[in-house]
């Protein structure tokens, strides 16, 4: 349920895209090319004036690999955008700079690289598509203007933890997101030059999440979820969050 694990945050892919996606499936690899407006397509201006602020290009390659009879997928992704962004190293200058002049504190373009793996560790002999394994992803970016410098996620999960419950899904994962050094230093300087505000002081965020999705009937599933998160705001305590979700199919 935590976005950090369910849909890893990159800082280079908006929630809604306006652009084109092309896929090519070769014998030993799959390729995905994306060219899109770097802005969130929920903004109507993206539709009216597409690519006005630049273009983002993403290329990913996925390789299917079988190890000791267990299927797996390994991939890499590279992204480059020509969009301008705030030069995070200049954050302290925003205190005294007139708003009309803030546009000079920009940095052209940003990049992002990631690698990921999904590898079965066990599958049921009678059904090779039912089993569980490990997943992991690591990424790094320029960290300026992208507020995220890097992230790492890893865990175990899949289907059929118990032989008698092969329709159940489960997972446990860990994540950590590293913030831009320029962002952290810049906000710390801003906080030091103003009346103390703890929200100016931030650090890396990390957390754990575990869930179990119980198959009751073909039309009813119940999920229990538990999270423990160390937030990026230093003024906040660690949080423990539990949830129960019920899914009905009609």
C-alpha atoms as a PDB file:
ATOM      1  CA  UNK A   1       0.000   0.000   0.000  1.00  0.00           C
ATOM      2  CA  UNK A   2       2.971   2.336   0.460  1.00  0.00           C
ATOM      3  CA  UNK A   3       3.748   4.152  -2.786  1.00  0.00           C
ATOM      4  CA  UNK A   4       7.472   3.862  -2.057  1.00  0.00           C
ATOM      5  CA  UNK A   5       7.166   0.110  -2.718  1.00  0.00           C
ATOM      6  CA  UNK A   6       4.073  -0.176  -4.911  1.00  0.00           C
ATOM      7  CA  UNK A   7       5.156   2.479  -7.430  1.00  0.00           C
ATOM      8  CA  UNK A   8       8.739   3.609  -6.693  1.00  0.00           C
ATOM      9  CA  UNK A   9       9.130   7.383  -6.814  1.00  0.00           C
ATOM     10  CA  UNK A  10      11.664   8.578  -9.373  1.00  0.00           C
ATOM     11  CA  UNK A  11      11.217  12.341  -9.630  1.00  0.00           C
ATOM     12  CA  UNK A  12      11.354  11.990 -13.441  1.00  0.00           C
ATOM     13  CA  UNK A  13       8.012  10.311 -14.242  1.00  0.00           C
ATOM     14  CA  UNK A  14       4.823  12.287 -13.517  1.00  0.00           C
ATOM     15  CA  UNK A  15       1.670  10.451 -12.357  1.00  0.00           C
ATOM     16  CA  UNK A  16      -0.083  11.078 -15.693  1.00  0.00           C
ATOM     17  CA  UNK A  17       1.788  11.084 -18.997  1.00  0.00           C
ATOM     18  CA  UNK A  18       1.265  12.870 -22.295  1.00  0.00           C
ATOM     19  CA  UNK A  19       3.476  11.359 -24.965  1.00  0.00           C
ATOM     20  CA  UNK A  20       4.168   8.116 -26.795  1.00  0.00           C
ATOM     21  CA  UNK A  21       5.271   4.649 -25.687  1.00  0.00           C
ATOM     22  CA  UNK A  22       6.839   2.069 -27.970  1.00  0.00           C
ATOM     23  CA  UNK A  23       7.605  -1.548 -27.076  1.00  0.00           C
ATOM     24  CA  UNK A  24       9.701  -4.163 -28.846  1.00  0.00           C
ATOM     25  CA  UNK A  25       9.891  -7.771 -27.695  1.00  0.00           C
ATOM     26  CA  UNK A  26      12.952  -9.557 -29.043  1.00  0.00           C
ATOM     27  CA  UNK A  27      14.047 -13.140 -28.448  1.00  0.00           C
ATOM     28  CA  UNK A  28      16.267 -12.410 -25.463  1.00  0.00           C
ATOM     29  CA  UNK A  29      15.132  -8.961 -24.310  1.00  0.00           C
ATOM     30  CA  UNK A  30      12.248  -6.518 -24.199  1.00  0.00           C
ATOM     31  CA  UNK A  31      12.682  -2.806 -24.958  1.00  0.00           C
ATOM     32  CA  UNK A  32      10.435   0.089 -23.926  1.00  0.00           C
ATOM     33  CA  UNK A  33      10.934   3.614 -25.258  1.00  0.00           C
ATOM     34  CA  UNK A  34       8.930   6.497 -23.775  1.00  0.00           C
ATOM     35  CA  UNK A  35       8.944  10.113 -24.944  1.00  0.00           C
ATOM     36  CA  UNK A  36       6.691  12.358 -22.873  1.00  0.00           C
ATOM     37  CA  UNK A  37       6.049  15.816 -21.519  1.00  0.00           C
ATOM     38  CA  UNK A  38       7.875  16.105 -18.171  1.00  0.00           C
ATOM     39  CA  UNK A  39       4.861  17.818 -16.582  1.00  0.00           C
ATOM     40  CA  UNK A  40       1.866  16.097 -15.003  1.00  0.00           C
ATOM     41  CA  UNK A  41      -0.739  15.640 -17.762  1.00  0.00           C
ATOM     42  CA  UNK A  42      -3.520  16.412 -15.274  1.00  0.00           C
ATOM     43  CA  UNK A  43      -2.579  20.039 -15.983  1.00  0.00           C
ATOM     44  CA  UNK A  44      -4.665  21.117 -18.995  1.00  0.00           C
ATOM     45  CA  UNK A  45      -1.794  23.337 -20.166  1.00  0.00           C
ATOM     46  CA  UNK A  46       0.118  20.153 -21.021  1.00  0.00           C
ATOM     47  CA  UNK A  47      -2.600  19.291 -23.545  1.00  0.00           C
ATOM     48  CA  UNK A  48      -2.809  22.824 -24.907  1.00  0.00           C
ATOM     49  CA  UNK A  49       0.944  23.382 -25.153  1.00  0.00           C
ATOM     50  CA  UNK A  50       2.672  19.984 -25.143  1.00  0.00           C
ATOM     51  CA  UNK A  51       6.433  19.838 -24.610  1.00  0.00           C
ATOM     52  CA  UNK A  52       6.635  23.571 -24.010  1.00  0.00           C
ATOM     53  CA  UNK A  53       8.933  23.064 -21.034  1.00  0.00           C
ATOM     54  CA  UNK A  54      11.034  20.305 -22.574  1.00  0.00           C
ATOM     55  CA  UNK A  55      10.952  16.606 -23.338  1.00  0.00           C
ATOM     56  CA  UNK A  56      11.720  13.523 -21.269  1.00  0.00           C
ATOM     57  CA  UNK A  57      13.049  10.384 -22.934  1.00  0.00           C
ATOM     58  CA  UNK A  58      13.156   7.022 -21.161  1.00  0.00           C
ATOM     59  CA  UNK A  59      14.642   3.762 -22.454  1.00  0.00           C
ATOM     60  CA  UNK A  60      14.396   0.511 -20.511  1.00  0.00           C
ATOM     61  CA  UNK A  61      15.595  -2.995 -21.314  1.00  0.00           C
ATOM     62  CA  UNK A  62      14.377  -6.166 -19.581  1.00  0.00           C
ATOM     63  CA  UNK A  63      16.104  -9.558 -19.834  1.00  0.00           C
ATOM     64  CA  UNK A  64      14.353 -12.819 -18.902  1.00  0.00           C
ATOM     65  CA  UNK A  65      16.788 -15.102 -17.067  1.00  0.00           C
ATOM     66  CA  UNK A  66      16.320 -18.627 -15.712  1.00  0.00           C
ATOM     67  CA  UNK A  67      18.505 -19.710 -12.785  1.00  0.00           C
ATOM     68  CA  UNK A  68      18.339 -23.322 -11.557  1.00  0.00           C
ATOM     69  CA  UNK A  69      14.971 -23.708 -13.241  1.00  0.00           C
ATOM     70  CA  UNK A  70      13.548 -20.559 -11.625  1.00  0.00           C
ATOM     71  CA  UNK A  71      12.356 -17.731 -13.859  1.00  0.00           C
ATOM     72  CA  UNK A  72      13.502 -14.163 -13.350  1.00  0.00           C
ATOM     73  CA  UNK A  73      13.546 -10.734 -14.962  1.00  0.00           C
ATOM     74  CA  UNK A  74      16.452  -8.269 -14.841  1.00  0.00           C
ATOM     75  CA  UNK A  75      16.287  -4.755 -16.228  1.00  0.00           C
ATOM     76  CA  UNK A  76      17.933  -1.363 -16.553  1.00  0.00           C
ATOM     77  CA  UNK A  77      16.421   2.044 -17.295  1.00  0.00           C
ATOM     78  CA  UNK A  78      17.907   5.372 -18.299  1.00  0.00           C
ATOM     79  CA  UNK A  79      16.083   8.711 -18.412  1.00  0.00           C
ATOM     80  CA  UNK A  80      17.073  12.171 -19.588  1.00  0.00           C
ATOM     81  CA  UNK A  81      14.932  15.309 -19.570  1.00  0.00           C
ATOM     82  CA  UNK A  82      15.606  18.695 -21.122  1.00  0.00           C
ATOM     83  CA  UNK A  83      13.233  20.414 -18.679  1.00  0.00           C
ATOM     84  CA  UNK A  84      14.624  23.226 -16.554  1.00  0.00           C
ATOM     85  CA  UNK A  85      14.298  23.048 -12.805  1.00  0.00           C
ATOM     86  CA  UNK A  86      15.258  25.044  -9.751  1.00  0.00           C
ATOM     87  CA  UNK A  87      18.977  24.757  -9.058  1.00  0.00           C
ATOM     88  CA  UNK A  88      18.731  23.326  -5.539  1.00  0.00           C
ATOM     89  CA  UNK A  89      22.193  24.635  -4.690  1.00  0.00           C
ATOM     90  CA  UNK A  90      20.794  28.178  -4.906  1.00  0.00           C
ATOM     91  CA  UNK A  91      17.955  27.686  -2.393  1.00  0.00           C
ATOM     92  CA  UNK A  92      19.470  30.094   0.185  1.00  0.00           C
ATOM     93  CA  UNK A  93      19.485  32.859  -2.459  1.00  0.00           C
ATOM     94  CA  UNK A  94      15.681  32.666  -2.660  1.00  0.00           C
ATOM     95  CA  UNK A  95      15.410  34.461   0.670  1.00  0.00           C
ATOM     96  CA  UNK A  96      16.510  37.839  -0.672  1.00  0.00           C
ATOM     97  CA  UNK A  97      15.969  37.414  -4.407  1.00  0.00           C
ATOM     98  CA  UNK A  98      12.956  39.205  -5.942  1.00  0.00           C
ATOM     99  CA  UNK A  99      10.346  36.753  -7.254  1.00  0.00           C
ATOM    100  CA  UNK A 100      10.696  38.142 -10.772  1.00  0.00           C
ATOM    101  CA  UNK A 101      14.362  37.161 -10.803  1.00  0.00           C
ATOM    102  CA  UNK A 102      13.949  33.605  -9.521  1.00  0.00           C
ATOM    103  CA  UNK A 103      13.997  32.230 -13.064  1.00  0.00           C
ATOM    104  CA  UNK A 104      17.758  32.792 -13.231  1.00  0.00           C
ATOM    105  CA  UNK A 105      18.298  30.185 -10.514  1.00  0.00           C
ATOM    106  CA  UNK A 106      17.578  27.295 -12.848  1.00  0.00           C
ATOM    107  CA  UNK A 107      19.467  24.255 -14.023  1.00  0.00           C
ATOM    108  CA  UNK A 108      19.018  22.719 -17.463  1.00  0.00           C
ATOM    109  CA  UNK A 109      18.156  19.053 -17.703  1.00  0.00           C
ATOM    110  CA  UNK A 110      18.420  16.062 -15.413  1.00  0.00           C
ATOM    111  CA  UNK A 111      19.146  12.322 -15.643  1.00  0.00           C
ATOM    112  CA  UNK A 112      18.141   9.128 -13.875  1.00  0.00           C
ATOM    113  CA  UNK A 113      19.452   5.531 -13.943  1.00  0.00           C
ATOM    114  CA  UNK A 114      17.961   2.436 -12.345  1.00  0.00           C
ATOM    115  CA  UNK A 115      18.317  -1.328 -12.259  1.00  0.00           C
ATOM    116  CA  UNK A 116      15.786  -3.869 -11.050  1.00  0.00           C
ATOM    117  CA  UNK A 117      15.328  -7.598 -10.532  1.00  0.00           C
ATOM    118  CA  UNK A 118      12.454 -10.017  -9.969  1.00  0.00           C
ATOM    119  CA  UNK A 119      13.616 -13.574  -9.366  1.00  0.00           C
ATOM    120  CA  UNK A 120      11.576 -16.620  -8.408  1.00  0.00           C
ATOM    121  CA  UNK A 121      13.102 -18.628  -5.558  1.00  0.00           C
ATOM    122  CA  UNK A 122      10.367 -21.254  -5.418  1.00  0.00           C
ATOM    123  CA  UNK A 123       7.446 -22.308  -7.589  1.00  0.00           C
ATOM    124  CA  UNK A 124       4.948 -25.130  -7.298  1.00  0.00           C
ATOM    125  CA  UNK A 125       5.872 -27.966  -9.690  1.00  0.00           C
ATOM    126  CA  UNK A 126       2.291 -28.357 -10.870  1.00  0.00           C
ATOM    127  CA  UNK A 127       2.006 -24.631 -11.685  1.00  0.00           C
ATOM    128  CA  UNK A 128       5.183 -22.737 -12.691  1.00  0.00           C
ATOM    129  CA  UNK A 129       3.345 -19.410 -12.513  1.00  0.00           C
ATOM    130  CA  UNK A 130       2.564 -19.807  -8.803  1.00  0.00           C
ATOM    131  CA  UNK A 131       5.409 -19.212  -6.387  1.00  0.00           C
ATOM    132  CA  UNK A 132       7.395 -16.574  -4.588  1.00  0.00           C
ATOM    133  CA  UNK A 133      10.742 -14.856  -4.834  1.00  0.00           C
ATOM    134  CA  UNK A 134      12.743 -11.715  -4.322  1.00  0.00           C
ATOM    135  CA  UNK A 135      12.482  -8.263  -5.848  1.00  0.00           C
ATOM    136  CA  UNK A 136      14.867  -5.320  -5.696  1.00  0.00           C
ATOM    137  CA  UNK A 137      15.454  -1.983  -7.363  1.00  0.00           C
ATOM    138  CA  UNK A 138      18.226   0.574  -7.059  1.00  0.00           C
ATOM    139  CA  UNK A 139      18.344   3.993  -8.686  1.00  0.00           C
ATOM    140  CA  UNK A 140      20.451   7.124  -8.782  1.00  0.00           C
ATOM    141  CA  UNK A 141      19.891  10.581 -10.285  1.00  0.00           C
ATOM    142  CA  UNK A 142      21.792  13.842 -10.569  1.00  0.00           C
ATOM    143  CA  UNK A 143      20.056  15.049  -7.399  1.00  0.00           C
ATOM    144  CA  UNK A 144      19.727  18.551  -8.805  1.00  0.00           C
ATOM    145  CA  UNK A 145      17.137  19.663  -9.829  1.00  0.00           C
ATOM    146  CA  UNK A 146      15.685  16.248  -8.964  1.00  0.00           C
ATOM    147  CA  UNK A 147      15.031  16.362  -5.186  1.00  0.00           C
ATOM    148  CA  UNK A 148      15.662  12.597  -5.005  1.00  0.00           C
ATOM    149  CA  UNK A 149      19.304  11.510  -5.230  1.00  0.00           C
ATOM    150  CA  UNK A 150      18.815   7.756  -4.966  1.00  0.00           C
ATOM    151  CA  UNK A 151      16.540   5.015  -3.735  1.00  0.00           C
ATOM    152  CA  UNK A 152      16.724   1.328  -2.890  1.00  0.00           C
ATOM    153  CA  UNK A 153      13.922  -1.170  -2.343  1.00  0.00           C
ATOM    154  CA  UNK A 154      14.071  -4.922  -1.735  1.00  0.00           C
ATOM    155  CA  UNK A 155      11.895  -7.679  -0.406  1.00  0.00           C
ATOM    156  CA  UNK A 156      10.236 -11.058  -0.753  1.00  0.00           C
ATOM    157  CA  UNK A 157       6.763 -11.783  -2.038  1.00  0.00           C
ATOM    158  CA  UNK A 158       4.533 -13.704  -4.339  1.00  0.00           C
ATOM    159  CA  UNK A 159       1.705 -16.201  -4.329  1.00  0.00           C
ATOM    160  CA  UNK A 160       1.157 -19.364  -2.337  1.00  0.00           C
ATOM    161  CA  UNK A 161       3.200 -19.022   0.844  1.00  0.00           C
ATOM    162  CA  UNK A 162       1.508 -22.192   2.113  1.00  0.00           C
ATOM    163  CA  UNK A 163       0.797 -25.253  -0.075  1.00  0.00           C
ATOM    164  CA  UNK A 164      -2.846 -25.238   1.009  1.00  0.00           C
ATOM    165  CA  UNK A 165      -3.269 -21.503   0.196  1.00  0.00           C
ATOM    166  CA  UNK A 166      -1.903 -21.134  -3.333  1.00  0.00           C
ATOM    167  CA  UNK A 167      -4.362 -18.328  -4.208  1.00  0.00           C
ATOM    168  CA  UNK A 168      -3.170 -16.078  -1.377  1.00  0.00           C
ATOM    169  CA  UNK A 169      -0.678 -13.258  -2.052  1.00  0.00           C
ATOM    170  CA  UNK A 170       1.888 -11.939   0.419  1.00  0.00           C
ATOM    171  CA  UNK A 171       4.932  -9.720   0.628  1.00  0.00           C
ATOM    172  CA  UNK A 172       7.423  -7.971   2.872  1.00  0.00           C
ATOM    173  CA  UNK A 173       9.624  -5.129   1.695  1.00  0.00           C
ATOM    174  CA  UNK A 174      12.102  -2.470   2.755  1.00  0.00           C
ATOM    175  CA  UNK A 175      12.662   0.924   1.145  1.00  0.00           C
ATOM    176  CA  UNK A 176      14.997   3.860   1.591  1.00  0.00           C
ATOM    177  CA  UNK A 177      14.957   7.149  -0.323  1.00  0.00           C
ATOM    178  CA  UNK A 178      17.949   9.467  -0.305  1.00  0.00           C
ATOM    179  CA  UNK A 179      17.240  13.167  -0.725  1.00  0.00           C
ATOM    180  CA  UNK A 180      19.366  15.567  -2.751  1.00  0.00           C
ATOM    181  CA  UNK A 181      22.382  16.835  -0.804  1.00  0.00           C
ATOM    182  CA  UNK A 182      21.820  20.303  -2.272  1.00  0.00           C
ATOM    183  CA  UNK A 183      18.205  20.258  -1.109  1.00  0.00           C
ATOM    184  CA  UNK A 184      19.101  19.187   2.438  1.00  0.00           C
ATOM    185  CA  UNK A 185      21.933  21.730   2.782  1.00  0.00           C
ATOM    186  CA  UNK A 186      19.910  24.519   1.200  1.00  0.00           C
ATOM    187  CA  UNK A 187      16.910  24.080   3.492  1.00  0.00           C
ATOM    188  CA  UNK A 188      19.197  23.807   6.505  1.00  0.00           C
ATOM    189  CA  UNK A 189      20.766  27.178   5.601  1.00  0.00           C
ATOM    190  CA  UNK A 190      17.340  28.724   5.112  1.00  0.00           C
ATOM    191  CA  UNK A 191      16.223  27.386   8.478  1.00  0.00           C
ATOM    192  CA  UNK A 192      19.363  28.718  10.132  1.00  0.00           C
ATOM    193  CA  UNK A 193      18.779  32.235   8.815  1.00  0.00           C
ATOM    194  CA  UNK A 194      15.140  32.410   9.908  1.00  0.00           C
ATOM    195  CA  UNK A 195      13.237  31.848  13.178  1.00  0.00           C
ATOM    196  CA  UNK A 196      13.667  28.159  13.950  1.00  0.00           C
ATOM    197  CA  UNK A 197      11.267  25.916  12.055  1.00  0.00           C
ATOM    198  CA  UNK A 198      11.960  22.184  12.360  1.00  0.00           C
ATOM    199  CA  UNK A 199      10.182  21.448   9.092  1.00  0.00           C
ATOM    200  CA  UNK A 200      13.226  22.927   7.299  1.00  0.00           C
ATOM    201  CA  UNK A 201      15.357  20.043   8.487  1.00  0.00           C
ATOM    202  CA  UNK A 202      14.980  16.838   6.528  1.00  0.00           C
ATOM    203  CA  UNK A 203      16.833  13.584   6.016  1.00  0.00           C
ATOM    204  CA  UNK A 204      16.527  10.280   4.161  1.00  0.00           C
ATOM    205  CA  UNK A 205      13.297   8.308   4.564  1.00  0.00           C
ATOM    206  CA  UNK A 206      13.048   4.562   5.070  1.00  0.00           C
ATOM    207  CA  UNK A 207      10.464   2.001   6.041  1.00  0.00           C
ATOM    208  CA  UNK A 208       9.221  -1.570   6.189  1.00  0.00           C
ATOM    209  CA  UNK A 209       5.916  -2.970   4.997  1.00  0.00           C
ATOM    210  CA  UNK A 210       4.328  -6.418   5.187  1.00  0.00           C
ATOM    211  CA  UNK A 211       0.982  -7.612   3.843  1.00  0.00           C
ATOM    212  CA  UNK A 212      -1.042 -10.778   3.444  1.00  0.00           C
ATOM    213  CA  UNK A 213      -3.863 -10.998   0.914  1.00  0.00           C
ATOM    214  CA  UNK A 214      -6.324 -13.766   1.844  1.00  0.00           C
ATOM    215  CA  UNK A 215      -8.327 -15.463  -0.919  1.00  0.00           C
ATOM    216  CA  UNK A 216     -11.746 -16.177   0.635  1.00  0.00           C
ATOM    217  CA  UNK A 217     -13.839 -16.750  -2.484  1.00  0.00           C
ATOM    218  CA  UNK A 218     -13.375 -15.805  -6.172  1.00  0.00           C
ATOM    219  CA  UNK A 219     -15.304 -12.602  -5.395  1.00  0.00           C
ATOM    220  CA  UNK A 220     -13.898 -11.776  -1.941  1.00  0.00           C
ATOM    221  CA  UNK A 221     -10.343 -10.973  -0.817  1.00  0.00           C
ATOM    222  CA  UNK A 222      -9.180  -9.538   2.528  1.00  0.00           C
ATOM    223  CA  UNK A 223      -5.781  -7.881   2.996  1.00  0.00           C
ATOM    224  CA  UNK A 224      -3.979  -7.091   6.260  1.00  0.00           C
ATOM    225  CA  UNK A 225      -1.132  -4.570   6.026  1.00  0.00           C
ATOM    226  CA  UNK A 226       1.434  -3.263   8.522  1.00  0.00           C
ATOM    227  CA  UNK A 227       3.991  -0.473   7.973  1.00  0.00           C
ATOM    228  CA  UNK A 228       6.791   1.054  10.005  1.00  0.00           C
ATOM    229  CA  UNK A 229       8.149   4.311   8.552  1.00  0.00           C
ATOM    230  CA  UNK A 230      10.977   6.659   9.528  1.00  0.00           C
ATOM    231  CA  UNK A 231       9.834   9.917   7.835  1.00  0.00           C
ATOM    232  CA  UNK A 232      12.103  12.432   6.138  1.00  0.00           C
ATOM    233  CA  UNK A 233      11.040  15.277   8.439  1.00  0.00           C
ATOM    234  CA  UNK A 234      13.277  15.182  11.506  1.00  0.00           C
ATOM    235  CA  UNK A 235      10.543  16.741  13.625  1.00  0.00           C
ATOM    236  CA  UNK A 236       8.274  13.718  13.158  1.00  0.00           C
ATOM    237  CA  UNK A 237       8.427  10.506  15.159  1.00  0.00           C
ATOM    238  CA  UNK A 238       8.577   7.102  13.529  1.00  0.00           C
ATOM    239  CA  UNK A 239       5.115   5.950  12.487  1.00  0.00           C
ATOM    240  CA  UNK A 240       3.454   2.534  12.680  1.00  0.00           C
ATOM    241  CA  UNK A 241       0.412   2.127  10.460  1.00  0.00           C
ATOM    242  CA  UNK A 242      -1.907  -0.864  10.165  1.00  0.00           C
ATOM    243  CA  UNK A 243      -4.747  -1.370   7.707  1.00  0.00           C
ATOM    244  CA  UNK A 244      -7.329  -3.894   6.545  1.00  0.00           C
ATOM    245  CA  UNK A 245      -8.702  -3.841   3.016  1.00  0.00           C
ATOM    246  CA  UNK A 246     -11.702  -5.762   1.667  1.00  0.00           C
ATOM    247  CA  UNK A 247     -12.101  -6.332  -2.093  1.00  0.00           C
ATOM    248  CA  UNK A 248     -15.432  -7.373  -3.632  1.00  0.00           C
ATOM    249  CA  UNK A 249     -15.765  -8.412  -7.270  1.00  0.00           C
ATOM    250  CA  UNK A 250     -19.100  -8.204  -9.078  1.00  0.00           C
END
